[in-house]
Protein backbone atom coordinates (compact mmCIF):
# COMPACT_ATOMS: atom_id res chain seq x y z
CA UNK A 1 -19.05 -1.96 -22.57
CA UNK A 2 -20.85 1.08 -23.96
CA UNK A 3 -20.92 2.75 -20.56
CA UNK A 4 -17.19 2.34 -19.97
CA UNK A 5 -16.43 3.56 -23.49
CA UNK A 6 -18.72 6.58 -23.26
CA UNK A 7 -17.59 7.72 -19.82
CA UNK A 8 -13.85 7.27 -20.30
CA UNK A 9 -13.58 7.48 -24.13
CA UNK A 10 -11.88 4.09 -24.06
CA UNK A 11 -13.53 1.70 -26.55
CA UNK A 12 -10.87 -1.01 -26.33
CA UNK A 13 -10.98 -1.00 -22.53
CA UNK A 14 -14.79 -1.22 -22.65
CA UNK A 15 -14.65 -4.42 -24.67
CA UNK A 16 -11.89 -6.00 -22.58
CA UNK A 17 -13.63 -5.05 -19.31
CA UNK A 18 -16.80 -6.83 -20.40
CA UNK A 19 -14.89 -9.92 -21.48
CA UNK A 20 -12.74 -10.11 -18.34
CA UNK A 21 -15.50 -9.45 -15.82
CA UNK A 22 -18.58 -11.01 -17.44
CA UNK A 23 -18.11 -13.00 -20.63
CA UNK A 24 -15.39 -15.65 -20.39
CA UNK A 25 -16.49 -17.81 -23.31
CA UNK A 26 -17.45 -15.16 -25.84
CA UNK A 27 -17.58 -16.16 -29.51
CA UNK A 28 -16.38 -14.02 -32.40
CA UNK A 29 -19.97 -13.50 -33.59
CA UNK A 30 -20.94 -12.17 -30.16
CA UNK A 31 -18.08 -9.67 -30.36
CA UNK A 32 -19.86 -7.65 -33.07
CA UNK A 33 -22.46 -5.96 -30.81
CA UNK A 34 -19.72 -5.16 -28.31
CA UNK A 35 -17.69 -3.43 -31.00
CA UNK A 36 -20.70 -1.49 -32.28
CA UNK A 37 -21.68 -0.47 -28.74
CA UNK A 38 -18.26 0.81 -27.75
CA UNK A 39 -17.64 2.70 -30.97
CA UNK A 40 -21.10 4.30 -30.88
CA UNK A 41 -20.69 5.38 -27.26
CA UNK A 42 -17.21 6.77 -27.86
CA UNK A 43 -18.29 8.77 -30.93
CA UNK A 44 -21.25 10.26 -29.04
CA UNK A 45 -18.92 11.17 -26.17
CA UNK A 46 -16.51 12.83 -28.64
CA UNK A 47 -19.35 14.85 -30.20
CA UNK A 48 -20.60 16.28 -26.91
CA UNK A 49 -17.39 16.57 -24.85
CA UNK A 50 -14.56 16.88 -27.36
CA UNK A 51 -11.61 14.69 -28.30
CA UNK A 52 -9.43 15.28 -25.26
CA UNK A 53 -8.70 12.45 -22.80
CA UNK A 54 -10.58 12.46 -19.47
CA UNK A 55 -7.29 12.70 -17.55
CA UNK A 56 -4.67 15.01 -19.01
CA UNK A 57 -1.23 14.14 -17.71
CA UNK A 58 2.44 14.86 -18.27
CA UNK A 59 4.54 11.71 -18.12
CA UNK A 60 8.29 11.42 -18.37
CA UNK A 61 9.92 8.88 -20.69
CA UNK A 62 10.20 5.34 -19.38
CA UNK A 63 13.58 4.45 -17.88
CA UNK A 64 14.81 0.86 -17.55
CA UNK A 65 16.50 1.75 -14.26
CA UNK A 66 13.06 2.25 -12.67
CA UNK A 67 11.89 -1.33 -13.30
CA UNK A 68 12.77 -2.51 -9.74
CA UNK A 69 10.64 0.32 -8.34
CA UNK A 70 7.74 -0.63 -10.60
CA UNK A 71 8.01 -4.22 -9.36
CA UNK A 72 7.81 -2.93 -5.78
CA UNK A 73 4.79 -0.81 -6.74
CA UNK A 74 3.07 -3.89 -8.21
CA UNK A 75 3.50 -5.81 -4.95
CA UNK A 76 2.35 -2.79 -2.92
CA UNK A 77 -0.75 -2.36 -5.13
CA UNK A 78 -1.52 -6.05 -4.67
CA UNK A 79 -1.61 -5.71 -0.88
CA UNK A 80 -3.57 -2.45 -1.16
CA UNK A 81 -6.09 -4.36 -3.28
CA UNK A 82 -6.46 -7.01 -0.57
CA UNK A 83 -7.07 -4.28 2.01
CA UNK A 84 -9.55 -2.52 -0.30
CA UNK A 85 -11.62 -5.65 -0.94
CA UNK A 86 -11.63 -7.15 2.55
CA UNK A 87 -12.20 -3.88 4.40
CA UNK A 88 -15.01 -2.88 2.04
CA UNK A 89 -16.88 -6.17 2.44
CA UNK A 90 -16.28 -6.24 6.21
CA UNK A 91 -17.64 -2.71 6.71
CA UNK A 92 -20.64 -3.42 4.48
CA UNK A 93 -21.44 -6.55 6.51
CA UNK A 94 -21.25 -4.69 9.81
CA UNK A 95 -23.32 -1.74 8.67
CA UNK A 96 -25.78 -4.07 6.96
CA UNK A 97 -26.63 -5.66 10.32
CA UNK A 98 -28.00 -2.37 11.66
CA UNK A 99 -31.79 -2.64 11.63
CA UNK A 100 -32.65 0.99 12.35
CA UNK A 101 -32.25 2.94 9.06
CA UNK A 102 -32.24 6.34 10.80
CA UNK A 103 -29.43 5.29 13.10
CA UNK A 104 -27.52 3.93 10.13
CA UNK A 105 -27.95 7.16 8.16
CA UNK A 106 -26.86 9.22 11.18
CA UNK A 107 -23.78 7.10 11.81
CA UNK A 108 -22.75 7.08 8.15
CA UNK A 109 -23.32 10.80 7.63
CA UNK A 110 -21.40 11.80 10.76
CA UNK A 111 -18.54 9.43 9.94
CA UNK A 112 -18.36 10.64 6.35
CA UNK A 113 -18.52 14.28 7.40
CA UNK A 114 -15.68 13.87 9.88
CA UNK A 115 -13.49 12.09 7.34
CA UNK A 116 -14.08 14.77 4.68
CA UNK A 117 -13.46 17.56 7.21
CA UNK A 118 -10.03 16.11 8.01
CA UNK A 119 -9.26 15.03 4.42
CA UNK A 120 -11.10 17.21 1.86
CA UNK A 121 -9.40 15.23 -0.93
CA UNK A 122 -11.91 12.44 -0.18
CA UNK A 123 -14.89 14.59 -1.19
CA UNK A 124 -16.60 13.36 -4.36
CA UNK A 125 -14.77 11.19 -6.87
CA UNK A 126 -11.39 12.81 -6.14
CA UNK A 127 -10.72 13.38 -9.83
CA UNK A 128 -9.54 16.97 -9.22
CA UNK A 129 -6.78 15.62 -7.01
CA UNK A 130 -5.87 13.07 -9.67
CA UNK A 131 -5.42 15.82 -12.28
CA UNK A 132 -3.00 17.62 -9.97
CA UNK A 133 -0.95 14.53 -9.15
CA UNK A 134 -0.88 13.29 -12.76
CA UNK A 135 0.80 16.53 -13.77
CA UNK A 136 3.57 16.25 -11.20
CA UNK A 137 2.24 18.90 -8.81
CA UNK A 138 1.62 18.79 -5.07
CA UNK A 139 -1.83 19.22 -3.57
CA UNK A 140 -2.46 22.26 -1.38
CA UNK A 141 -2.50 20.49 1.98
CA UNK A 142 -2.02 23.60 4.11
CA UNK A 143 -5.04 25.48 2.79
CA UNK A 144 -7.47 22.58 2.48
CA UNK A 145 -7.08 20.38 5.55
CA UNK A 146 -6.83 20.79 9.34
CA UNK A 147 -3.90 18.38 8.99
CA UNK A 148 -2.16 20.79 6.62
CA UNK A 149 0.87 20.92 8.89
CA UNK A 150 1.82 17.59 7.27
CA UNK A 151 2.91 19.47 4.16
CA UNK A 152 6.64 18.90 4.19
CA UNK A 153 9.11 16.02 4.38
CA UNK A 154 7.80 12.76 5.75
CA UNK A 155 4.50 14.40 6.68
CA UNK A 156 3.40 14.30 3.02
CA UNK A 157 3.54 10.50 2.52
CA UNK A 158 2.00 10.05 5.98
CA UNK A 159 -0.92 12.28 4.97
CA UNK A 160 -1.48 10.37 1.73
CA UNK A 161 -1.21 7.01 3.47
CA UNK A 162 -4.09 8.09 5.71
CA UNK A 163 -6.04 9.22 2.62
CA UNK A 164 -5.42 5.81 1.04
CA UNK A 165 -6.64 3.93 4.11
CA UNK A 166 -9.68 6.14 4.74
CA UNK A 167 -10.96 6.25 1.15
CA UNK A 168 -12.39 2.76 1.69
CA UNK A 169 -14.28 4.06 4.74
CA UNK A 170 -15.69 7.11 2.92
CA UNK A 171 -16.79 4.94 -0.02
CA UNK A 172 -18.43 2.30 2.18
CA UNK A 173 -20.14 4.83 4.47
CA UNK A 174 -21.61 6.48 1.38
CA UNK A 175 -22.90 3.19 -0.04
CA UNK A 176 -24.17 1.83 3.28
CA UNK A 177 -25.91 5.12 4.10
CA UNK A 178 -27.97 4.94 0.93
CA UNK A 179 -25.81 7.03 -1.37
CA UNK A 180 -23.78 6.14 -4.44
CA UNK A 181 -20.11 5.72 -3.58
CA UNK A 182 -19.30 3.43 -6.46
CA UNK A 183 -16.35 1.08 -6.80
CA UNK A 184 -14.81 1.96 -10.13
CA UNK A 185 -13.92 5.59 -9.33
CA UNK A 186 -12.60 4.91 -5.81
CA UNK A 187 -10.38 2.16 -7.22
CA UNK A 188 -8.74 4.63 -9.61
CA UNK A 189 -8.33 7.19 -6.83
CA UNK A 190 -6.80 4.77 -4.32
CA UNK A 191 -4.45 3.43 -7.00
CA UNK A 192 -3.23 6.93 -7.81
CA UNK A 193 -2.65 7.70 -4.12
CA UNK A 194 -0.81 4.38 -3.70
CA UNK A 195 1.46 5.25 -6.61
CA UNK A 196 2.16 8.72 -5.25
CA UNK A 197 2.82 7.40 -1.74
CA UNK A 198 5.25 4.81 -3.09
CA UNK A 199 7.09 7.33 -5.27
CA UNK A 200 7.35 10.08 -2.64
CA UNK A 201 8.51 7.62 0.04
CA UNK A 202 11.15 6.21 -2.30
CA UNK A 203 12.38 9.69 -3.24
CA UNK A 204 12.67 10.66 0.43
CA UNK A 205 14.61 7.49 1.27
CA UNK A 206 16.97 7.96 -1.69
CA UNK A 207 17.25 11.75 -1.38
CA UNK A 208 20.95 11.64 -0.53
CA UNK A 209 21.83 9.19 -3.31
CA UNK A 210 20.83 11.47 -6.16
CA UNK A 211 18.25 8.95 -7.44
CA UNK A 212 14.78 10.32 -8.15
CA UNK A 213 11.77 8.58 -9.70
CA UNK A 214 8.99 10.45 -11.57
CA UNK A 215 6.02 10.69 -9.21
CA UNK A 216 3.43 11.41 -11.91
CA UNK A 217 4.40 8.19 -13.72
CA UNK A 218 3.85 6.19 -10.55
CA UNK A 219 0.49 7.91 -9.97
CA UNK A 220 -0.65 6.83 -13.43
CA UNK A 221 0.69 3.28 -13.19
CA UNK A 222 -0.68 2.89 -9.65
CA UNK A 223 -4.20 3.45 -10.99
CA UNK A 224 -3.75 0.41 -13.22
CA UNK A 225 -2.17 -1.63 -10.43
CA UNK A 226 -5.09 -1.27 -8.06
CA UNK A 227 -7.68 -1.86 -10.75
CA UNK A 228 -5.89 -5.05 -11.79
CA UNK A 229 -5.94 -6.28 -8.18
CA UNK A 230 -9.36 -5.20 -6.92
CA UNK A 231 -11.25 -6.13 -10.09
CA UNK A 232 -8.87 -8.92 -11.10
CA UNK A 233 -8.89 -7.54 -14.62
CA UNK A 234 -5.28 -6.80 -15.58
CA UNK A 235 -5.90 -6.35 -19.32
CA UNK A 236 -8.67 -3.84 -18.62
CA UNK A 237 -6.41 -1.97 -16.22
CA UNK A 238 -3.56 -1.74 -18.73
CA UNK A 239 -5.59 -0.48 -21.68
CA UNK A 240 -8.04 1.69 -19.72
CA UNK A 241 -5.31 3.71 -18.02
CA UNK A 242 -3.36 3.98 -21.27
CA UNK A 243 -6.46 5.20 -23.12
CA UNK A 244 -7.86 7.65 -20.58
CA UNK A 245 -4.50 9.32 -19.94
CA UNK A 246 -2.77 8.94 -23.29
CA UNK A 247 0.03 7.23 -21.38
CA UNK A 248 0.98 4.64 -23.99
CA UNK A 249 4.62 5.62 -23.42
CA UNK A 250 4.36 3.78 -20.11
CA UNK A 251 2.87 0.59 -21.54
CA UNK A 252 5.73 -1.56 -20.22
CA UNK A 253 5.44 -0.39 -16.58
CA UNK A 254 1.65 -0.61 -16.87
CA UNK A 255 2.02 -4.28 -17.79
CA UNK A 256 4.61 -4.94 -15.06
CA UNK A 257 2.61 -3.34 -12.25
CA UNK A 258 -0.78 -4.72 -13.34
CA UNK A 259 0.37 -8.32 -13.70
CA UNK A 260 2.32 -8.32 -10.42
CA UNK A 261 -0.58 -6.71 -8.54
CA UNK A 262 -3.01 -9.23 -10.05
CA UNK A 263 -0.72 -12.15 -9.14
CA UNK A 264 -0.25 -10.88 -5.58
CA UNK A 265 -3.99 -10.53 -5.15
CA UNK A 266 -4.72 -14.00 -6.52
CA UNK A 267 -2.43 -15.58 -3.94
CA UNK A 268 -4.82 -14.40 -1.22
CA UNK A 269 -8.15 -13.84 -3.00
CA UNK A 270 -9.59 -16.02 -5.75
CA UNK A 271 -12.44 -13.66 -6.58
CA UNK A 272 -12.75 -9.98 -7.42
CA UNK A 273 -14.80 -7.39 -5.56
CA UNK A 274 -17.55 -7.93 -8.15
CA UNK A 275 -17.74 -11.71 -7.82
CA UNK A 276 -16.79 -12.58 -4.23
CA UNK A 277 -20.29 -12.29 -2.73
CA UNK A 278 -21.84 -14.20 -5.64
CA UNK A 279 -19.22 -16.94 -5.24
CA UNK A 280 -19.89 -17.16 -1.50
CA UNK A 281 -23.57 -17.79 -2.25
CA UNK A 282 -22.68 -20.52 -4.76
CA UNK A 283 -24.28 -18.70 -7.68
CA UNK A 284 -21.18 -17.75 -9.67
CA UNK A 285 -21.28 -19.76 -12.88
CA UNK A 286 -19.07 -17.75 -15.24
CA UNK A 287 -15.74 -18.74 -13.67
CA UNK A 288 -16.09 -22.53 -13.61
CA UNK A 289 -17.38 -24.29 -16.73
CA UNK A 290 -17.76 -27.68 -15.03
CA UNK A 291 -19.77 -26.23 -12.17
CA UNK A 292 -21.95 -24.32 -14.63
CA UNK A 293 -22.72 -27.47 -16.65
CA UNK A 294 -23.56 -29.50 -13.56
CA UNK A 295 -25.68 -26.69 -12.10
CA UNK A 296 -27.69 -26.09 -15.25
C-alpha cells in the first residue's frame, strides 16, 4: 500500500489495491497500519517530488451522450484484458521451457530490439507517450518509427492497434530474458492505447455525422478499464486513475468502463494475472474461505 501511494501519490488507491488484491477479510483494526503507511509514503513523495499529479492531463467535461461509447470501451477493455493475461502467461510458459539461458537471452533481446525499432513507443514504461495522449495530442509517428507512413487516416488506429498487441510481447520478452518488465506499468500503457484506438476509430467512422468524442478522455478511462480487467480490481482502477490524473470529473465513465471491463473479464477468467498461477497450483487461499479453513 505504501509503495503504490508513494509512487503514484494515491493514498486511497494504495489502500484499496491492498484490500482488493491481498486482504479480503481485513478488520477495522488492521486498517490502521495501512492508513499510516499510505499517508506517510504520500507525504514523503510530496516533499521530494512536489504536489503535482504523476500524469498531468486535460479532460473535457463529461457528456451523457457519450455513455454508449463508454459502454463499448468497457467491453473492448474486457477483451483486451483477456488477451493481455492469456498471451502473457502463454509466452512465459513457452520461454520458460528453454533450458539454455544464453539462447533465451539472445532470443529475447533480438525480439525486443526488433519490436522497439519498429515501435519506439514501446521503449521503457511508455509514460512519455501517455502524457502526450492524455493532453489530446498526436504522437510523432513520422519521425520516430519506420512505420511512420501510418500517420494519417486509418493508418493511425492501425498503428496503435499493433502497439497494443505487441506491448504484451515486449513486456514478456523483458521479463523472460531476465529484466524487469513489470505488470502494473504495462497495464496502464495498454489501457491508454486501447482507449485511444477506440476513440480514434469511432471518430473516423462517425466523421461525416458531425459526432466527435474526446480522445484524451477515452485514453484516461481506458487505463482504468484495463487495470480493472487484468488485475480484477475495479475499485483500485477507478480511484487510482482519478487520483494520479486529477480526473475526478470523469468519475462516472471511470465507474462504467471499469465495472463492464471487470464483468467481461470474469465471464472468461475467474482469476487475475496476480492469482491465476497460484490458483492453478492449488495454493490460493485468500479467495475461498471454505477452502482456506479446510486446508489449514
